Amino acid sequence: MADVLDYKILGDDLQLVEIELDPGEGVRAEAGTMTYMEDNIEMQTGMGGGDLFSGFKRIFTGESFFITTFLNNDPQRKRHVAFAAPYPGKIVAFDLDQFNGQVLCQRDSFLCAARGTEIEVAFTKRLGAGFFGGEGFILQRLSGNGMVFVHAGGTVVEKELAAGETLRVDTGCLVAFATTVDYDIQFVGGFKNALFGGEGLFFAKMTGPGKVYLQSLPFSRLVDRIKRGMTLTQPGGEQKGVAGIGGDILKNIISGG
């Protein structure tokens, strides 16, 4: 039975979630996401499920080997602890009771959850999704009956799919979806679309019923844009990163060139 958490999500594009813990309550969080905590909150770091295999499974889903539980040891007062998303975007809160006790999330999206929630690796069921799903191949399964919090890049869009209704999505733009939603991979189609469309060769095909949560700026896209901005063309057509150009300038200063 998971702890019942009260919480506030603060901020706009660089959000954090503040959890209010009653005496004896706890919250599990991804290592390195804690922003602040009040007195009498004890940190207990372990391997999620309590064994070595659980730690390795978490690495497989893009998370750290360890997970930390923050426990309110004050016998009389409520205490607060807060966790921040690692890049610009939104924090999405799920009540697992409204998702039949389970929700599937994009790998590396878990932020924190009520103590008693299980974080497991979930593979897509179809062979095509396994070979071509990209970021959507390995998912996280969050199961239990309490609150869970995941982070998403950019703006979050919630879609409610009716039975049989489909939605095609870039695999990196998926945040989370109900287990009632069928997940498969679909070829873009068309020679020019595949080669020059710029959207990749495959879409994630989501078929209802159930909720689907999308993000407008996946972390992979953000990284790609930063990489492109850091690569500059030098005279003669040579391309160097910003750090390499800075090193060349420094060499010229030292040598008097």
C-alpha atoms as a PDB file:
ATOM      1  CA  MET A   1       0.000   0.000   0.000  1.00  0.00           C
ATOM      2  CA  ALA A   2       1.564   3.285  -1.120  1.00  0.00           C
ATOM      3  CA  ASP A   3       1.680   6.375   1.079  1.00  0.00           C
ATOM      4  CA  VAL A   4      -0.921   9.072   0.307  1.00  0.00           C
ATOM      5  CA  LEU A   5       0.964  12.211  -0.746  1.00  0.00           C
ATOM      6  CA  ASP A   6      -0.042  15.862  -0.720  1.00  0.00           C
ATOM      7  CA  TYR A   7       1.947  17.952  -3.180  1.00  0.00           C
ATOM      8  CA  LYS A   8       2.363  21.271  -5.022  1.00  0.00           C
ATOM      9  CA  ILE A   9       3.954  21.755  -8.439  1.00  0.00           C
ATOM     10  CA  LEU A  10       5.832  25.074  -8.480  1.00  0.00           C
ATOM     11  CA  GLY A  11       7.135  27.109 -11.407  1.00  0.00           C
ATOM     12  CA  ASP A  12       6.293  27.268 -15.080  1.00  0.00           C
ATOM     13  CA  ASP A  13       8.964  25.921 -17.466  1.00  0.00           C
ATOM     14  CA  LEU A  14      11.566  24.889 -14.889  1.00  0.00           C
ATOM     15  CA  GLN A  15       9.315  23.153 -12.425  1.00  0.00           C
ATOM     16  CA  LEU A  16       9.757  21.378  -9.127  1.00  0.00           C
ATOM     17  CA  VAL A  17       7.311  19.365  -7.059  1.00  0.00           C
ATOM     18  CA  GLU A  18       7.097  19.909  -3.294  1.00  0.00           C
ATOM     19  CA  ILE A  19       5.859  16.871  -1.358  1.00  0.00           C
ATOM     20  CA  GLU A  20       4.233  17.184   2.065  1.00  0.00           C
ATOM     21  CA  LEU A  21       4.976  14.144   4.215  1.00  0.00           C
ATOM     22  CA  ASP A  22       2.900  13.209   7.243  1.00  0.00           C
ATOM     23  CA  PRO A  23       4.781  11.607  10.169  1.00  0.00           C
ATOM     24  CA  GLY A  24       6.066   8.223   8.981  1.00  0.00           C
ATOM     25  CA  GLU A  25       5.334   8.879   5.283  1.00  0.00           C
ATOM     26  CA  GLY A  26       7.966   8.540   2.570  1.00  0.00           C
ATOM     27  CA  VAL A  27       8.588   9.321  -1.071  1.00  0.00           C
ATOM     28  CA  ARG A  28      10.902   7.517  -3.509  1.00  0.00           C
ATOM     29  CA  ALA A  29      12.934   9.628  -5.920  1.00  0.00           C
ATOM     30  CA  GLU A  30      15.494   9.355  -8.692  1.00  0.00           C
ATOM     31  CA  ALA A  31      18.989   9.967  -7.282  1.00  0.00           C
ATOM     32  CA  GLY A  32      20.184  13.545  -7.699  1.00  0.00           C
ATOM     33  CA  THR A  33      16.751  15.193  -8.131  1.00  0.00           C
ATOM     34  CA  MET A  34      16.236  16.465  -4.564  1.00  0.00           C
ATOM     35  CA  THR A  35      16.225  20.294  -4.323  1.00  0.00           C
ATOM     36  CA  TYR A  36      15.576  20.855  -0.614  1.00  0.00           C
ATOM     37  CA  MET A  37      14.211  19.075   2.446  1.00  0.00           C
ATOM     38  CA  GLU A  38      13.251  20.099   5.957  1.00  0.00           C
ATOM     39  CA  ASP A  39      14.577  18.807   9.281  1.00  0.00           C
ATOM     40  CA  ASN A  40      13.852  15.267  10.446  1.00  0.00           C
ATOM     41  CA  ILE A  41      13.637  13.849   6.935  1.00  0.00           C
ATOM     42  CA  GLU A  42      15.898  10.818   6.614  1.00  0.00           C
ATOM     43  CA  MET A  43      17.447   9.691   3.320  1.00  0.00           C
ATOM     44  CA  GLN A  44      17.631   5.947   2.652  1.00  0.00           C
ATOM     45  CA  THR A  45      19.465   5.061  -0.573  1.00  0.00           C
ATOM     46  CA  GLY A  46      19.133   1.596  -2.068  1.00  0.00           C
ATOM     47  CA  MET A  47      18.632  -0.336  -5.307  1.00  0.00           C
ATOM     48  CA  GLY A  48      14.924   0.198  -5.780  1.00  0.00           C
ATOM     49  CA  GLY A  49      13.619  -3.330  -5.345  1.00  0.00           C
ATOM     50  CA  GLY A  50      16.260  -4.158  -2.769  1.00  0.00           C
ATOM     51  CA  ASP A  51      18.582  -6.369  -4.845  1.00  0.00           C
ATOM     52  CA  LEU A  52      21.354  -6.062  -7.416  1.00  0.00           C
ATOM     53  CA  PHE A  53      19.122  -7.114 -10.320  1.00  0.00           C
ATOM     54  CA  SER A  54      16.688  -4.269  -9.599  1.00  0.00           C
ATOM     55  CA  GLY A  55      19.543  -1.781  -9.803  1.00  0.00           C
ATOM     56  CA  PHE A  56      20.682  -3.084 -13.193  1.00  0.00           C
ATOM     57  CA  LYS A  57      17.106  -3.010 -14.509  1.00  0.00           C
ATOM     58  CA  ARG A  58      16.904   0.661 -13.561  1.00  0.00           C
ATOM     59  CA  ILE A  59      20.107   1.416 -15.497  1.00  0.00           C
ATOM     60  CA  PHE A  60      18.517  -0.297 -18.502  1.00  0.00           C
ATOM     61  CA  THR A  61      15.619   2.200 -18.408  1.00  0.00           C
ATOM     62  CA  GLY A  62      17.960   5.194 -18.337  1.00  0.00           C
ATOM     63  CA  GLU A  63      17.798   5.824 -14.598  1.00  0.00           C
ATOM     64  CA  SER A  64      20.577   5.654 -12.023  1.00  0.00           C
ATOM     65  CA  PHE A  65      21.587   2.432 -10.263  1.00  0.00           C
ATOM     66  CA  PHE A  66      20.245   3.685  -6.925  1.00  0.00           C
ATOM     67  CA  ILE A  67      16.943   5.130  -5.763  1.00  0.00           C
ATOM     68  CA  THR A  68      16.490   7.209  -2.614  1.00  0.00           C
ATOM     69  CA  THR A  69      13.600   7.137  -0.145  1.00  0.00           C
ATOM     70  CA  PHE A  70      12.945  10.313   1.866  1.00  0.00           C
ATOM     71  CA  LEU A  71      11.194   9.436   5.136  1.00  0.00           C
ATOM     72  CA  ASN A  72       9.607  11.864   7.618  1.00  0.00           C
ATOM     73  CA  ASN A  73      10.868  10.756  11.032  1.00  0.00           C
ATOM     74  CA  ASP A  74       9.216  13.603  12.937  1.00  0.00           C
ATOM     75  CA  PRO A  75       6.523  11.948  15.110  1.00  0.00           C
ATOM     76  CA  GLN A  76       4.396  15.097  15.370  1.00  0.00           C
ATOM     77  CA  ARG A  77       4.868  17.474  12.411  1.00  0.00           C
ATOM     78  CA  LYS A  78       4.466  17.371   8.653  1.00  0.00           C
ATOM     79  CA  ARG A  79       7.678  17.948   6.711  1.00  0.00           C
ATOM     80  CA  HIS A  80       8.409  18.963   3.126  1.00  0.00           C
ATOM     81  CA  VAL A  81      10.841  17.764   0.465  1.00  0.00           C
ATOM     82  CA  ALA A  82      11.089  18.998  -3.140  1.00  0.00           C
ATOM     83  CA  PHE A  83      12.377  17.500  -6.392  1.00  0.00           C
ATOM     84  CA  ALA A  84      13.232  19.298  -9.642  1.00  0.00           C
ATOM     85  CA  ALA A  85      13.118  18.212 -13.272  1.00  0.00           C
ATOM     86  CA  PRO A  86      16.585  17.987 -14.905  1.00  0.00           C
ATOM     87  CA  TYR A  87      15.770  20.101 -17.997  1.00  0.00           C
ATOM     88  CA  PRO A  88      13.148  22.690 -19.105  1.00  0.00           C
ATOM     89  CA  GLY A  89       9.649  21.320 -19.297  1.00  0.00           C
ATOM     90  CA  LYS A  90       6.761  20.181 -17.144  1.00  0.00           C
ATOM     91  CA  ILE A  91       6.166  17.761 -14.290  1.00  0.00           C
ATOM     92  CA  VAL A  92       3.210  15.435 -14.835  1.00  0.00           C
ATOM     93  CA  ALA A  93       1.411  13.904 -11.845  1.00  0.00           C
ATOM     94  CA  PHE A  94      -0.434  10.573 -12.085  1.00  0.00           C
ATOM     95  CA  ASP A  95      -2.746   8.945  -9.582  1.00  0.00           C
ATOM     96  CA  LEU A  96      -2.180   5.260 -10.320  1.00  0.00           C
ATOM     97  CA  ASP A  97      -5.601   4.427  -8.895  1.00  0.00           C
ATOM     98  CA  GLN A  98      -7.060   6.151 -11.976  1.00  0.00           C
ATOM     99  CA  PHE A  99      -4.901   4.015 -14.312  1.00  0.00           C
ATOM    100  CA  ASN A 100      -5.786   0.586 -12.912  1.00  0.00           C
ATOM    101  CA  GLY A 101      -2.580   0.597 -10.896  1.00  0.00           C
ATOM    102  CA  GLN A 102      -0.134   0.907 -13.816  1.00  0.00           C
ATOM    103  CA  VAL A 103       1.151   3.466 -16.291  1.00  0.00           C
ATOM    104  CA  LEU A 104       3.840   3.122 -18.983  1.00  0.00           C
ATOM    105  CA  CYS A 105       6.365   5.959 -19.323  1.00  0.00           C
ATOM    106  CA  GLN A 106       9.200   6.974 -21.584  1.00  0.00           C
ATOM    107  CA  ARG A 107      12.573   5.754 -20.326  1.00  0.00           C
ATOM    108  CA  ASP A 108      14.451   8.253 -18.143  1.00  0.00           C
ATOM    109  CA  SER A 109      11.256  10.162 -17.280  1.00  0.00           C
ATOM    110  CA  PHE A 110      10.701   9.034 -13.664  1.00  0.00           C
ATOM    111  CA  LEU A 111      11.132  11.776 -11.048  1.00  0.00           C
ATOM    112  CA  CYS A 112       9.554  10.600  -7.785  1.00  0.00           C
ATOM    113  CA  ALA A 113       6.651   8.569  -6.408  1.00  0.00           C
ATOM    114  CA  ALA A 114       4.884   7.567  -3.228  1.00  0.00           C
ATOM    115  CA  ARG A 115       6.727   4.997  -1.160  1.00  0.00           C
ATOM    116  CA  GLY A 116       5.437   1.580  -2.195  1.00  0.00           C
ATOM    117  CA  THR A 117       5.433   2.332  -5.935  1.00  0.00           C
ATOM    118  CA  GLU A 118       7.389  -0.110  -8.108  1.00  0.00           C
ATOM    119  CA  ILE A 119       9.585   1.130 -10.981  1.00  0.00           C
ATOM    120  CA  GLU A 120      10.262  -1.618 -13.531  1.00  0.00           C
ATOM    121  CA  VAL A 121      11.514  -2.045 -17.083  1.00  0.00           C
ATOM    122  CA  ALA A 122       8.833  -2.714 -19.719  1.00  0.00           C
ATOM    123  CA  PHE A 123       9.585  -3.878 -23.270  1.00  0.00           C
ATOM    124  CA  THR A 124       7.255  -3.274 -26.175  1.00  0.00           C
ATOM    125  CA  LYS A 125       5.378  -6.425 -27.115  1.00  0.00           C
ATOM    126  CA  ARG A 126       5.857  -6.421 -30.871  1.00  0.00           C
ATOM    127  CA  LEU A 127       8.997  -7.318 -32.790  1.00  0.00           C
ATOM    128  CA  GLY A 128       8.695  -4.256 -35.046  1.00  0.00           C
ATOM    129  CA  ALA A 129       8.557  -1.934 -32.070  1.00  0.00           C
ATOM    130  CA  GLY A 130      11.617  -3.630 -30.629  1.00  0.00           C
ATOM    131  CA  PHE A 131      13.760  -3.180 -33.739  1.00  0.00           C
ATOM    132  CA  PHE A 132      12.567   0.255 -34.852  1.00  0.00           C
ATOM    133  CA  GLY A 133      11.008   1.927 -31.840  1.00  0.00           C
ATOM    134  CA  GLY A 134      14.057   4.008 -30.968  1.00  0.00           C
ATOM    135  CA  GLU A 135      13.416   5.888 -27.737  1.00  0.00           C
ATOM    136  CA  GLY A 136      10.079   4.098 -27.318  1.00  0.00           C
ATOM    137  CA  PHE A 137      11.557   0.579 -27.329  1.00  0.00           C
ATOM    138  CA  ILE A 138      12.373   0.405 -23.625  1.00  0.00           C
ATOM    139  CA  LEU A 139       9.685   1.847 -21.380  1.00  0.00           C
ATOM    140  CA  GLN A 140       9.217   2.211 -17.645  1.00  0.00           C
ATOM    141  CA  ARG A 141       6.292   0.564 -15.870  1.00  0.00           C
ATOM    142  CA  LEU A 142       5.201   2.417 -12.735  1.00  0.00           C
ATOM    143  CA  SER A 143       2.853   0.286 -10.670  1.00  0.00           C
ATOM    144  CA  GLY A 144       1.095   0.677  -7.338  1.00  0.00           C
ATOM    145  CA  ASN A 145      -1.807   2.709  -5.991  1.00  0.00           C
ATOM    146  CA  GLY A 146      -0.344   6.132  -5.155  1.00  0.00           C
ATOM    147  CA  MET A 147       0.923   9.302  -6.807  1.00  0.00           C
ATOM    148  CA  VAL A 148       3.803   9.220  -9.288  1.00  0.00           C
ATOM    149  CA  PHE A 149       5.570  12.154 -10.943  1.00  0.00           C
ATOM    150  CA  VAL A 150       7.381  12.163 -14.284  1.00  0.00           C
ATOM    151  CA  HIS A 151       9.066  14.999 -16.183  1.00  0.00           C
ATOM    152  CA  ALA A 152       8.604  15.963 -19.822  1.00  0.00           C
ATOM    153  CA  GLY A 153      10.340  18.413 -22.153  1.00  0.00           C
ATOM    154  CA  GLY A 154       8.587  21.539 -23.390  1.00  0.00           C
ATOM    155  CA  THR A 155       4.784  21.599 -23.259  1.00  0.00           C
ATOM    156  CA  VAL A 156       2.719  18.558 -22.239  1.00  0.00           C
ATOM    157  CA  VAL A 157      -0.362  17.603 -24.264  1.00  0.00           C
ATOM    158  CA  GLU A 158      -2.948  15.159 -22.904  1.00  0.00           C
ATOM    159  CA  LYS A 159      -4.952  13.102 -25.415  1.00  0.00           C
ATOM    160  CA  GLU A 160      -7.951  10.929 -24.532  1.00  0.00           C
ATOM    161  CA  LEU A 161      -8.289   8.239 -27.206  1.00  0.00           C
ATOM    162  CA  ALA A 162     -11.615   6.538 -27.747  1.00  0.00           C
ATOM    163  CA  ALA A 163     -11.803   2.806 -28.414  1.00  0.00           C
ATOM    164  CA  GLY A 164     -10.215   2.126 -31.811  1.00  0.00           C
ATOM    165  CA  GLU A 165      -9.058   5.742 -32.246  1.00  0.00           C
ATOM    166  CA  THR A 166      -5.427   6.013 -33.385  1.00  0.00           C
ATOM    167  CA  LEU A 167      -2.729   8.647 -33.056  1.00  0.00           C
ATOM    168  CA  ARG A 168       0.677   8.601 -34.775  1.00  0.00           C
ATOM    169  CA  VAL A 169       3.455  10.103 -32.685  1.00  0.00           C
ATOM    170  CA  ASP A 170       7.206  10.614 -32.937  1.00  0.00           C
ATOM    171  CA  THR A 171       8.589   7.985 -30.562  1.00  0.00           C
ATOM    172  CA  GLY A 172      10.594  10.581 -28.640  1.00  0.00           C
ATOM    173  CA  CYS A 173       7.498  12.718 -28.048  1.00  0.00           C
ATOM    174  CA  LEU A 174       5.759  10.090 -25.933  1.00  0.00           C
ATOM    175  CA  VAL A 175       5.742  10.781 -22.200  1.00  0.00           C
ATOM    176  CA  ALA A 176       3.326   8.229 -20.783  1.00  0.00           C
ATOM    177  CA  PHE A 177       0.200   6.284 -21.613  1.00  0.00           C
ATOM    178  CA  ALA A 178      -2.341   4.004 -19.998  1.00  0.00           C
ATOM    179  CA  THR A 179      -1.805   0.261 -20.297  1.00  0.00           C
ATOM    180  CA  THR A 180      -5.166   0.043 -22.118  1.00  0.00           C
ATOM    181  CA  VAL A 181      -3.574   1.874 -25.080  1.00  0.00           C
ATOM    182  CA  ASP A 182      -2.044  -0.398 -27.730  1.00  0.00           C
ATOM    183  CA  TYR A 183       1.488   0.607 -28.760  1.00  0.00           C
ATOM    184  CA  ASP A 184       2.990  -0.322 -32.129  1.00  0.00           C
ATOM    185  CA  ILE A 185       5.492   0.995 -34.691  1.00  0.00           C
ATOM    186  CA  GLN A 186       4.408   2.136 -38.168  1.00  0.00           C
ATOM    187  CA  PHE A 187       6.551   2.934 -41.228  1.00  0.00           C
ATOM    188  CA  VAL A 188       6.275   6.540 -42.403  1.00  0.00           C
ATOM    189  CA  GLY A 189       5.563   5.449 -45.974  1.00  0.00           C
ATOM    190  CA  GLY A 190       6.629   7.055 -49.233  1.00  0.00           C
ATOM    191  CA  PHE A 191      10.187   7.220 -50.605  1.00  0.00           C
ATOM    192  CA  LYS A 192      10.545  11.014 -50.277  1.00  0.00           C
ATOM    193  CA  ASN A 193       8.940  11.040 -46.845  1.00  0.00           C
ATOM    194  CA  ALA A 194      11.386   8.397 -45.596  1.00  0.00           C
ATOM    195  CA  LEU A 195      14.509  10.070 -47.012  1.00  0.00           C
ATOM    196  CA  PHE A 196      13.748  13.788 -46.747  1.00  0.00           C
ATOM    197  CA  GLY A 197      10.865  14.166 -44.307  1.00  0.00           C
ATOM    198  CA  GLY A 198      13.157  14.789 -41.348  1.00  0.00           C
ATOM    199  CA  GLU A 199      10.827  12.926 -38.987  1.00  0.00           C
ATOM    200  CA  GLY A 200      12.567   9.564 -38.964  1.00  0.00           C
ATOM    201  CA  LEU A 201      11.449   6.353 -40.668  1.00  0.00           C
ATOM    202  CA  PHE A 202       8.911   5.218 -38.080  1.00  0.00           C
ATOM    203  CA  PHE A 203       6.074   6.533 -35.935  1.00  0.00           C
ATOM    204  CA  ALA A 204       4.603   5.187 -32.737  1.00  0.00           C
ATOM    205  CA  LYS A 205       1.011   4.188 -33.455  1.00  0.00           C
ATOM    206  CA  MET A 206      -1.182   4.562 -30.378  1.00  0.00           C
ATOM    207  CA  THR A 207      -4.624   2.945 -30.445  1.00  0.00           C
ATOM    208  CA  GLY A 208      -7.242   3.654 -27.769  1.00  0.00           C
ATOM    209  CA  PRO A 209      -8.994   3.478 -25.474  1.00  0.00           C
ATOM    210  CA  GLY A 210      -7.027   5.422 -22.881  1.00  0.00           C
ATOM    211  CA  LYS A 211      -4.961   8.501 -22.133  1.00  0.00           C
ATOM    212  CA  VAL A 212      -1.734   9.429 -23.912  1.00  0.00           C
ATOM    213  CA  TYR A 213       0.621  12.194 -22.720  1.00  0.00           C
ATOM    214  CA  LEU A 214       2.954  13.879 -25.222  1.00  0.00           C
ATOM    215  CA  GLN A 215       5.882  16.300 -24.934  1.00  0.00           C
ATOM    216  CA  SER A 216       6.732  19.036 -27.425  1.00  0.00           C
ATOM    217  CA  LEU A 217      10.499  19.032 -26.809  1.00  0.00           C
ATOM    218  CA  PRO A 218      12.075  15.604 -26.180  1.00  0.00           C
ATOM    219  CA  PHE A 219      15.476  15.797 -24.538  1.00  0.00           C
ATOM    220  CA  SER A 220      17.055  14.105 -27.590  1.00  0.00           C
ATOM    221  CA  ARG A 221      15.896  16.970 -29.839  1.00  0.00           C
ATOM    222  CA  LEU A 222      17.249  19.539 -27.397  1.00  0.00           C
ATOM    223  CA  VAL A 223      20.634  17.803 -27.368  1.00  0.00           C
ATOM    224  CA  ASP A 224      20.720  17.620 -31.184  1.00  0.00           C
ATOM    225  CA  ARG A 225      20.057  21.362 -31.494  1.00  0.00           C
ATOM    226  CA  ILE A 226      22.785  22.156 -28.962  1.00  0.00           C
ATOM    227  CA  LYS A 227      25.258  19.928 -30.825  1.00  0.00           C
ATOM    228  CA  ARG A 228      24.460  21.656 -34.114  1.00  0.00           C
ATOM    229  CA  GLY A 229      24.915  25.056 -32.531  1.00  0.00           C
ATOM    230  CA  MET A 230      28.296  24.044 -31.095  1.00  0.00           C
ATOM    231  CA  THR A 231      29.697  22.890 -34.452  1.00  0.00           C
ATOM    232  CA  LEU A 232      31.072  25.773 -36.517  1.00  0.00           C
ATOM    233  CA  THR A 233      32.650  25.705 -39.984  1.00  0.00           C
ATOM    234  CA  GLN A 234      36.230  26.997 -40.227  1.00  0.00           C
ATOM    235  CA  PRO A 235      38.027  28.430 -43.290  1.00  0.00           C
ATOM    236  CA  GLY A 236      38.756  25.582 -45.689  1.00  0.00           C
ATOM    237  CA  GLY A 237      35.569  23.750 -44.751  1.00  0.00           C
ATOM    238  CA  GLU A 238      36.899  22.227 -41.518  1.00  0.00           C
ATOM    239  CA  GLN A 239      34.274  21.842 -38.787  1.00  0.00           C
ATOM    240  CA  LYS A 240      35.180  22.297 -35.154  1.00  0.00           C
ATOM    241  CA  GLY A 241      33.228  22.442 -31.927  1.00  0.00           C
ATOM    242  CA  VAL A 242      33.181  25.637 -29.899  1.00  0.00           C
ATOM    243  CA  ALA A 243      35.670  24.175 -27.415  1.00  0.00           C
ATOM    244  CA  GLY A 244      38.107  23.350 -30.236  1.00  0.00           C
ATOM    245  CA  ILE A 245      37.878  26.858 -31.678  1.00  0.00           C
ATOM    246  CA  GLY A 246      38.513  28.330 -28.248  1.00  0.00           C
ATOM    247  CA  GLY A 247      41.606  26.157 -27.924  1.00  0.00           C
ATOM    248  CA  ASP A 248      42.954  27.385 -31.287  1.00  0.00           C
ATOM    249  CA  ILE A 249      42.493  31.023 -30.224  1.00  0.00           C
ATOM    250  CA  LEU A 250      44.271  30.356 -26.925  1.00  0.00           C
ATOM    251  CA  LYS A 251      47.205  28.718 -28.767  1.00  0.00           C
ATOM    252  CA  ASN A 252      47.564  31.747 -31.032  1.00  0.00           C
ATOM    253  CA  ILE A 253      47.596  34.120 -28.049  1.00  0.00           C
ATOM    254  CA  ILE A 254      50.263  32.077 -26.246  1.00  0.00           C
ATOM    255  CA  SER A 255      52.454  31.783 -29.354  1.00  0.00           C
ATOM    256  CA  GLY A 256      52.020  35.445 -30.188  1.00  0.00           C
ATOM    257  CA  GLY A 257      50.302  34.579 -33.478  1.00  0.00           C
END
